[in-house]
């Protein structure tokens, strides 16, 4: 499924100062990824919720035209979050 478009995932431990408040390291990494057109999709660590990931999609990558939206899926919330 994703082989056609190319997906790259960043490990925050591999990029020194990834989560620094000045965002220099993460921006430099993202700019280089974008300029080099290494993949259509870049999965990056969230600095807000450490256990989560964010997805960046490059419209400049040739694989972008292959992406298709799908129907949204429902989110099932655990009731313990609302106690």
PDB file of N, CA and C in Angstrom:
ATOM      1  N   UNK A   1       0.820  -1.193   0.000  1.00  0.00           N
ATOM      2  CA  UNK A   1       0.000   0.000   0.000  1.00  0.00           C
ATOM      3  C   UNK A   1       0.867   1.262   0.000  1.00  0.00           C
ATOM      4  N   UNK A   2       1.780   1.386   0.999  1.00  0.00           N
ATOM      5  CA  UNK A   2       2.615   2.581   1.072  1.00  0.00           C
ATOM      6  C   UNK A   2       3.867   2.482   0.208  1.00  0.00           C
ATOM      7  N   UNK A   3       4.167   1.302  -0.311  1.00  0.00           N
ATOM      8  CA  UNK A   3       5.379   1.141  -1.104  1.00  0.00           C
ATOM      9  C   UNK A   3       5.368   2.041  -2.338  1.00  0.00           C
ATOM     10  N   UNK A   4       4.184   2.302  -2.874  1.00  0.00           N
ATOM     11  CA  UNK A   4       4.068   3.101  -4.084  1.00  0.00           C
ATOM     12  C   UNK A   4       4.390   4.573  -3.870  1.00  0.00           C
ATOM     13  N   UNK A   5       4.205   5.049  -2.648  1.00  0.00           N
ATOM     14  CA  UNK A   5       4.407   6.474  -2.414  1.00  0.00           C
ATOM     15  C   UNK A   5       5.664   6.779  -1.614  1.00  0.00           C
ATOM     16  N   UNK A   6       6.168   5.860  -0.880  1.00  0.00           N
ATOM     17  CA  UNK A   6       7.368   6.068  -0.079  1.00  0.00           C
ATOM     18  C   UNK A   6       7.058   6.726   1.249  1.00  0.00           C
ATOM     19  N   UNK A   7       7.392   6.035   2.314  1.00  0.00           N
ATOM     20  CA  UNK A   7       7.166   6.529   3.667  1.00  0.00           C
ATOM     21  C   UNK A   7       8.478   6.454   4.434  1.00  0.00           C
ATOM     22  N   UNK A   8       8.804   7.528   5.117  1.00  0.00           N
ATOM     23  CA  UNK A   8      10.002   7.568   5.954  1.00  0.00           C
ATOM     24  C   UNK A   8       9.557   7.934   7.363  1.00  0.00           C
ATOM     25  N   UNK A   9      10.166   7.314   8.357  1.00  0.00           N
ATOM     26  CA  UNK A   9       9.839   7.635   9.745  1.00  0.00           C
ATOM     27  C   UNK A   9      11.089   8.102  10.468  1.00  0.00           C
ATOM     28  N   UNK A  10      10.954   9.175  11.232  1.00  0.00           N
ATOM     29  CA  UNK A  10      12.060   9.751  11.978  1.00  0.00           C
ATOM     30  C   UNK A  10      12.025   9.252  13.415  1.00  0.00           C
ATOM     31  N   UNK A  11      13.164   8.832  13.899  1.00  0.00           N
ATOM     32  CA  UNK A  11      13.323   8.497  15.316  1.00  0.00           C
ATOM     33  C   UNK A  11      13.958   9.722  15.965  1.00  0.00           C
ATOM     34  N   UNK A  12      13.286  10.303  16.928  1.00  0.00           N
ATOM     35  CA  UNK A  12      13.784  11.532  17.562  1.00  0.00           C
ATOM     36  C   UNK A  12      15.183  11.360  18.136  1.00  0.00           C
ATOM     37  N   UNK A  13      15.515  10.147  18.551  1.00  0.00           N
ATOM     38  CA  UNK A  13      16.851   9.913  19.111  1.00  0.00           C
ATOM     39  C   UNK A  13      17.940  10.027  18.047  1.00  0.00           C
ATOM     40  N   UNK A  14      17.570   9.913  16.788  1.00  0.00           N
ATOM     41  CA  UNK A  14      18.546   9.977  15.702  1.00  0.00           C
ATOM     42  C   UNK A  14      18.858  11.410  15.269  1.00  0.00           C
ATOM     43  N   UNK A  15      18.055  12.364  15.722  1.00  0.00           N
ATOM     44  CA  UNK A  15      18.260  13.767  15.354  1.00  0.00           C
ATOM     45  C   UNK A  15      18.504  14.559  16.634  1.00  0.00           C
ATOM     46  N   UNK A  16      19.748  14.948  16.823  1.00  0.00           N
ATOM     47  CA  UNK A  16      20.124  15.683  18.035  1.00  0.00           C
ATOM     48  C   UNK A  16      19.293  16.955  18.157  1.00  0.00           C
ATOM     49  N   UNK A  17      18.734  17.178  19.342  1.00  0.00           N
ATOM     50  CA  UNK A  17      17.906  18.350  19.656  1.00  0.00           C
ATOM     51  C   UNK A  17      16.610  18.407  18.834  1.00  0.00           C
ATOM     52  N   UNK A  18      16.089  17.251  18.468  1.00  0.00           N
ATOM     53  CA  UNK A  18      14.840  17.189  17.692  1.00  0.00           C
ATOM     54  C   UNK A  18      13.731  18.001  18.359  1.00  0.00           C
ATOM     55  N   UNK A  19      13.618  17.874  19.663  1.00  0.00           N
ATOM     56  CA  UNK A  19      12.504  18.508  20.365  1.00  0.00           C
ATOM     57  C   UNK A  19      12.876  19.833  21.047  1.00  0.00           C
ATOM     58  N   UNK A  20      13.953  20.451  20.606  1.00  0.00           N
ATOM     59  CA  UNK A  20      14.364  21.733  21.182  1.00  0.00           C
ATOM     60  C   UNK A  20      13.316  22.808  20.885  1.00  0.00           C
ATOM     61  N   UNK A  21      13.079  23.705  21.830  1.00  0.00           N
ATOM     62  CA  UNK A  21      12.075  24.758  21.636  1.00  0.00           C
ATOM     63  C   UNK A  21      12.311  25.637  20.404  1.00  0.00           C
ATOM     64  N   UNK A  22      13.564  25.819  19.995  1.00  0.00           N
ATOM     65  CA  UNK A  22      13.823  26.665  18.822  1.00  0.00           C
ATOM     66  C   UNK A  22      13.491  25.961  17.505  1.00  0.00           C
ATOM     67  N   UNK A  23      13.234  24.676  17.553  1.00  0.00           N
ATOM     68  CA  UNK A  23      12.815  23.857  16.399  1.00  0.00           C
ATOM     69  C   UNK A  23      13.833  23.824  15.256  1.00  0.00           C
ATOM     70  N   UNK A  24      15.039  24.280  15.494  1.00  0.00           N
ATOM     71  CA  UNK A  24      16.031  24.311  14.417  1.00  0.00           C
ATOM     72  C   UNK A  24      16.337  22.935  13.850  1.00  0.00           C
ATOM     73  N   UNK A  25      16.589  21.966  14.724  1.00  0.00           N
ATOM     74  CA  UNK A  25      16.981  20.630  14.263  1.00  0.00           C
ATOM     75  C   UNK A  25      15.852  19.959  13.482  1.00  0.00           C
ATOM     76  N   UNK A  26      14.633  20.034  14.003  1.00  0.00           N
ATOM     77  CA  UNK A  26      13.515  19.388  13.312  1.00  0.00           C
ATOM     78  C   UNK A  26      13.202  20.088  11.992  1.00  0.00           C
ATOM     79  N   UNK A  27      13.300  21.392  11.975  1.00  0.00           N
ATOM     80  CA  UNK A  27      13.041  22.128  10.725  1.00  0.00           C
ATOM     81  C   UNK A  27      14.124  21.835   9.681  1.00  0.00           C
ATOM     82  N   UNK A  28      15.372  21.793  10.115  1.00  0.00           N
ATOM     83  CA  UNK A  28      16.448  21.482   9.169  1.00  0.00           C
ATOM     84  C   UNK A  28      16.241  20.087   8.585  1.00  0.00           C
ATOM     85  N   UNK A  29      15.869  19.133   9.440  1.00  0.00           N
ATOM     86  CA  UNK A  29      15.619  17.777   8.963  1.00  0.00           C
ATOM     87  C   UNK A  29      14.476  17.785   7.959  1.00  0.00           C
ATOM     88  N   UNK A  30      13.382  18.440   8.303  1.00  0.00           N
ATOM     89  CA  UNK A  30      12.217  18.492   7.416  1.00  0.00           C
ATOM     90  C   UNK A  30      12.510  19.212   6.107  1.00  0.00           C
ATOM     91  N   UNK A  31      13.244  20.301   6.168  1.00  0.00           N
ATOM     92  CA  UNK A  31      13.598  21.028   4.941  1.00  0.00           C
ATOM     93  C   UNK A  31      14.441  20.166   4.015  1.00  0.00           C
ATOM     94  N   UNK A  32      15.398  19.451   4.597  1.00  0.00           N
ATOM     95  CA  UNK A  32      16.261  18.580   3.790  1.00  0.00           C
ATOM     96  C   UNK A  32      15.440  17.444   3.173  1.00  0.00           C
ATOM     97  N   UNK A  33      14.558  16.837   3.971  1.00  0.00           N
ATOM     98  CA  UNK A  33      13.676  15.771   3.468  1.00  0.00           C
ATOM     99  C   UNK A  33      12.848  16.284   2.287  1.00  0.00           C
ATOM    100  N   UNK A  34      12.277  17.459   2.444  1.00  0.00           N
ATOM    101  CA  UNK A  34      11.441  18.044   1.395  1.00  0.00           C
ATOM    102  C   UNK A  34      12.257  18.337   0.129  1.00  0.00           C
ATOM    103  N   UNK A  35      13.394  18.982   0.308  1.00  0.00           N
ATOM    104  CA  UNK A  35      14.231  19.355  -0.837  1.00  0.00           C
ATOM    105  C   UNK A  35      14.756  18.138  -1.594  1.00  0.00           C
ATOM    106  N   UNK A  36      15.103  17.079  -0.863  1.00  0.00           N
ATOM    107  CA  UNK A  36      15.646  15.878  -1.489  1.00  0.00           C
ATOM    108  C   UNK A  36      14.564  14.963  -2.064  1.00  0.00           C
ATOM    109  N   UNK A  37      13.293  15.221  -1.717  1.00  0.00           N
ATOM    110  CA  UNK A  37      12.168  14.398  -2.200  1.00  0.00           C
ATOM    111  C   UNK A  37      12.419  12.916  -1.924  1.00  0.00           C
ATOM    112  N   UNK A  38      12.846  12.628  -0.688  1.00  0.00           N
ATOM    113  CA  UNK A  38      13.193  11.249  -0.332  1.00  0.00           C
ATOM    114  C   UNK A  38      11.984  10.344  -0.240  1.00  0.00           C
ATOM    115  N   UNK A  39      10.848  10.885   0.147  1.00  0.00           N
ATOM    116  CA  UNK A  39       9.625  10.097   0.255  1.00  0.00           C
ATOM    117  C   UNK A  39       8.439  11.047   0.175  1.00  0.00           C
ATOM    118  N   UNK A  40       7.256  10.483  -0.056  1.00  0.00           N
ATOM    119  CA  UNK A  40       6.045  11.298  -0.098  1.00  0.00           C
ATOM    120  C   UNK A  40       5.576  11.627   1.308  1.00  0.00           C
ATOM    121  N   UNK A  41       5.725  10.668   2.204  1.00  0.00           N
ATOM    122  CA  UNK A  41       5.208  10.793   3.565  1.00  0.00           C
ATOM    123  C   UNK A  41       6.358  10.727   4.569  1.00  0.00           C
ATOM    124  N   UNK A  42       6.329  11.629   5.528  1.00  0.00           N
ATOM    125  CA  UNK A  42       7.308  11.631   6.609  1.00  0.00           C
ATOM    126  C   UNK A  42       6.551  11.539   7.924  1.00  0.00           C
ATOM    127  N   UNK A  43       6.838  10.506   8.696  1.00  0.00           N
ATOM    128  CA  UNK A  43       6.212  10.329  10.008  1.00  0.00           C
ATOM    129  C   UNK A  43       7.209  10.820  11.044  1.00  0.00           C
ATOM    130  N   UNK A  44       6.773  11.797  11.835  1.00  0.00           N
ATOM    131  CA  UNK A  44       7.673  12.434  12.795  1.00  0.00           C
ATOM    132  C   UNK A  44       7.131  12.305  14.211  1.00  0.00           C
ATOM    133  N   UNK A  45       8.019  12.304  15.207  1.00  0.00           N
ATOM    134  CA  UNK A  45       7.570  12.256  16.600  1.00  0.00           C
ATOM    135  C   UNK A  45       6.852  13.546  16.980  1.00  0.00           C
ATOM    136  N   UNK A  46       5.811  13.420  17.757  1.00  0.00           N
ATOM    137  CA  UNK A  46       5.129  14.590  18.297  1.00  0.00           C
ATOM    138  C   UNK A  46       5.913  15.082  19.497  1.00  0.00           C
ATOM    139  N   UNK A  47       6.100  16.378  19.595  1.00  0.00           N
ATOM    140  CA  UNK A  47       6.755  16.915  20.786  1.00  0.00           C
ATOM    141  C   UNK A  47       5.726  17.309  21.831  1.00  0.00           C
ATOM    142  N   UNK A  48       4.461  17.309  21.450  1.00  0.00           N
ATOM    143  CA  UNK A  48       3.394  17.650  22.382  1.00  0.00           C
ATOM    144  C   UNK A  48       2.957  16.414  23.164  1.00  0.00           C
ATOM    145  N   UNK A  49       2.666  15.347  22.450  1.00  0.00           N
ATOM    146  CA  UNK A  49       2.273  14.076  23.072  1.00  0.00           C
ATOM    147  C   UNK A  49       3.335  13.064  22.666  1.00  0.00           C
ATOM    148  N   UNK A  50       4.269  12.784  23.551  1.00  0.00           N
ATOM    149  CA  UNK A  50       5.458  11.980  23.240  1.00  0.00           C
ATOM    150  C   UNK A  50       5.158  10.619  22.622  1.00  0.00           C
ATOM    151  N   UNK A  51       4.033  10.020  22.964  1.00  0.00           N
ATOM    152  CA  UNK A  51       3.717   8.684  22.445  1.00  0.00           C
ATOM    153  C   UNK A  51       3.088   8.735  21.062  1.00  0.00           C
ATOM    154  N   UNK A  52       2.810   9.912  20.545  1.00  0.00           N
ATOM    155  CA  UNK A  52       2.117  10.053  19.262  1.00  0.00           C
ATOM    156  C   UNK A  52       3.085  10.415  18.137  1.00  0.00           C
ATOM    157  N   UNK A  53       2.570  10.329  16.918  1.00  0.00           N
ATOM    158  CA  UNK A  53       3.314  10.685  15.716  1.00  0.00           C
ATOM    159  C   UNK A  53       2.481  11.664  14.891  1.00  0.00           C
ATOM    160  N   UNK A  54       3.155  12.478  14.119  1.00  0.00           N
ATOM    161  CA  UNK A  54       2.503  13.363  13.154  1.00  0.00           C
ATOM    162  C   UNK A  54       2.921  12.925  11.760  1.00  0.00           C
ATOM    163  N   UNK A  55       2.093  13.204  10.784  1.00  0.00           N
ATOM    164  CA  UNK A  55       2.370  12.814   9.407  1.00  0.00           C
ATOM    165  C   UNK A  55       2.504  14.073   8.557  1.00  0.00           C
ATOM    166  N   UNK A  56       3.607  14.149   7.831  1.00  0.00           N
ATOM    167  CA  UNK A  56       3.860  15.258   6.914  1.00  0.00           C
ATOM    168  C   UNK A  56       3.795  14.694   5.505  1.00  0.00           C
ATOM    169  N   UNK A  57       3.079  15.367   4.622  1.00  0.00           N
ATOM    170  CA  UNK A  57       2.934  14.897   3.240  1.00  0.00           C
ATOM    171  C   UNK A  57       3.521  15.948   2.307  1.00  0.00           C
ATOM    172  N   UNK A  58       4.402  15.512   1.415  1.00  0.00           N
ATOM    173  CA  UNK A  58       5.041  16.423   0.471  1.00  0.00           C
ATOM    174  C   UNK A  58       4.271  16.449  -0.854  1.00  0.00           C
ATOM    175  N   UNK A  59       3.684  17.590  -1.145  1.00  0.00           N
ATOM    176  CA  UNK A  59       2.993  17.756  -2.424  1.00  0.00           C
ATOM    177  C   UNK A  59       3.974  17.855  -3.583  1.00  0.00           C
ATOM    178  N   UNK A  60       5.235  18.126  -3.292  1.00  0.00           N
ATOM    179  CA  UNK A  60       6.251  18.249  -4.349  1.00  0.00           C
ATOM    180  C   UNK A  60       6.796  16.892  -4.788  1.00  0.00           C
ATOM    181  N   UNK A  61       6.536  15.848  -4.017  1.00  0.00           N
ATOM    182  CA  UNK A  61       7.054  14.508  -4.345  1.00  0.00           C
ATOM    183  C   UNK A  61       6.196  13.877  -5.443  1.00  0.00           C
ATOM    184  N   UNK A  62       6.810  13.197  -6.418  1.00  0.00           N
ATOM    185  CA  UNK A  62       6.035  12.561  -7.489  1.00  0.00           C
ATOM    186  C   UNK A  62       4.983  11.565  -6.975  1.00  0.00           C
ATOM    187  N   UNK A  63       5.222  10.949  -5.834  1.00  0.00           N
ATOM    188  CA  UNK A  63       4.273   9.988  -5.291  1.00  0.00           C
ATOM    189  C   UNK A  63       3.007  10.620  -4.744  1.00  0.00           C
ATOM    190  N   UNK A  64       2.995  11.940  -4.579  1.00  0.00           N
ATOM    191  CA  UNK A  64       1.824  12.614  -4.027  1.00  0.00           C
ATOM    192  C   UNK A  64       0.575  12.332  -4.857  1.00  0.00           C
ATOM    193  N   UNK A  65       0.720  12.268  -6.164  1.00  0.00           N
ATOM    194  CA  UNK A  65      -0.436  12.034  -7.049  1.00  0.00           C
ATOM    195  C   UNK A  65      -1.068  10.670  -6.824  1.00  0.00           C
ATOM    196  N   UNK A  66      -0.330   9.754  -6.213  1.00  0.00           N
ATOM    197  CA  UNK A  66      -0.850   8.405  -5.971  1.00  0.00           C
ATOM    198  C   UNK A  66      -1.664   8.311  -4.680  1.00  0.00           C
ATOM    199  N   UNK A  67      -1.568   9.319  -3.833  1.00  0.00           N
ATOM    200  CA  UNK A  67      -2.296   9.286  -2.569  1.00  0.00           C
ATOM    201  C   UNK A  67      -3.787   9.459  -2.809  1.00  0.00           C
ATOM    202  N   UNK A  68      -4.575   8.758  -2.041  1.00  0.00           N
ATOM    203  CA  UNK A  68      -6.028   8.850  -2.122  1.00  0.00           C
ATOM    204  C   UNK A  68      -6.604   8.945  -0.715  1.00  0.00           C
ATOM    205  N   UNK A  69      -7.592   9.781  -0.564  1.00  0.00           N
ATOM    206  CA  UNK A  69      -8.277   9.891   0.724  1.00  0.00           C
ATOM    207  C   UNK A  69      -9.220   8.708   0.887  1.00  0.00           C
ATOM    208  N   UNK A  70      -9.390   8.283   2.103  1.00  0.00           N
ATOM    209  CA  UNK A  70     -10.331   7.211   2.402  1.00  0.00           C
ATOM    210  C   UNK A  70     -11.383   7.749   3.370  1.00  0.00           C
ATOM    211  N   UNK A  71     -12.410   6.969   3.561  1.00  0.00           N
ATOM    212  CA  UNK A  71     -13.463   7.379   4.494  1.00  0.00           C
ATOM    213  C   UNK A  71     -12.882   7.476   5.903  1.00  0.00           C
ATOM    214  N   UNK A  72     -13.322   8.468   6.661  1.00  0.00           N
ATOM    215  CA  UNK A  72     -12.815   8.580   8.031  1.00  0.00           C
ATOM    216  C   UNK A  72     -13.262   7.397   8.880  1.00  0.00           C
ATOM    217  N   UNK A  73     -12.439   7.070   9.869  1.00  0.00           N
ATOM    218  CA  UNK A  73     -12.768   5.980  10.784  1.00  0.00           C
ATOM    219  C   UNK A  73     -13.125   6.581  12.139  1.00  0.00           C
ATOM    220  N   UNK A  74     -14.086   5.990  12.800  1.00  0.00           N
ATOM    221  CA  UNK A  74     -14.489   6.547  14.101  1.00  0.00           C
ATOM    222  C   UNK A  74     -13.387   6.367  15.144  1.00  0.00           C
ATOM    223  N   UNK A  75     -13.320   7.320  16.046  1.00  0.00           N
ATOM    224  CA  UNK A  75     -12.399   7.232  17.170  1.00  0.00           C
ATOM    225  C   UNK A  75     -13.191   6.705  18.353  1.00  0.00           C
ATOM    226  N   UNK A  76     -12.703   5.650  18.961  1.00  0.00           N
ATOM    227  CA  UNK A  76     -13.360   5.084  20.131  1.00  0.00           C
ATOM    228  C   UNK A  76     -12.581   5.540  21.356  1.00  0.00           C
ATOM    229  N   UNK A  77     -13.200   6.390  22.164  1.00  0.00           N
ATOM    230  CA  UNK A  77     -12.559   6.942  23.329  1.00  0.00           C
ATOM    231  C   UNK A  77     -12.760   6.009  24.520  1.00  0.00           C
ATOM    232  N   UNK A  78     -11.730   5.823  25.267  1.00  0.00           N
ATOM    233  CA  UNK A  78     -11.809   5.034  26.498  1.00  0.00           C
ATOM    234  C   UNK A  78     -12.472   5.898  27.562  1.00  0.00           C
ATOM    235  N   UNK A  79     -13.540   5.408  28.139  1.00  0.00           N
ATOM    236  CA  UNK A  79     -14.303   6.163  29.132  1.00  0.00           C
ATOM    237  C   UNK A  79     -13.452   6.590  30.337  1.00  0.00           C
ATOM    238  N   UNK A  80     -12.378   5.877  30.600  1.00  0.00           N
ATOM    239  CA  UNK A  80     -11.530   6.242  31.746  1.00  0.00           C
ATOM    240  C   UNK A  80     -10.910   7.625  31.579  1.00  0.00           C
ATOM    241  N   UNK A  81     -10.838   8.112  30.340  1.00  0.00           N
ATOM    242  CA  UNK A  81     -10.284   9.437  30.102  1.00  0.00           C
ATOM    243  C   UNK A  81     -11.187  10.548  30.631  1.00  0.00           C
ATOM    244  N   UNK A  82     -12.447  10.227  30.832  1.00  0.00           N
ATOM    245  CA  UNK A  82     -13.424  11.262  31.194  1.00  0.00           C
ATOM    246  C   UNK A  82     -13.878  11.187  32.645  1.00  0.00           C
ATOM    247  N   UNK A  83     -13.211  10.408  33.460  1.00  0.00           N
ATOM    248  CA  UNK A  83     -13.575  10.307  34.878  1.00  0.00           C
ATOM    249  C   UNK A  83     -13.038  11.453  35.682  1.00  0.00           C
TER     250      UNK A  83
END
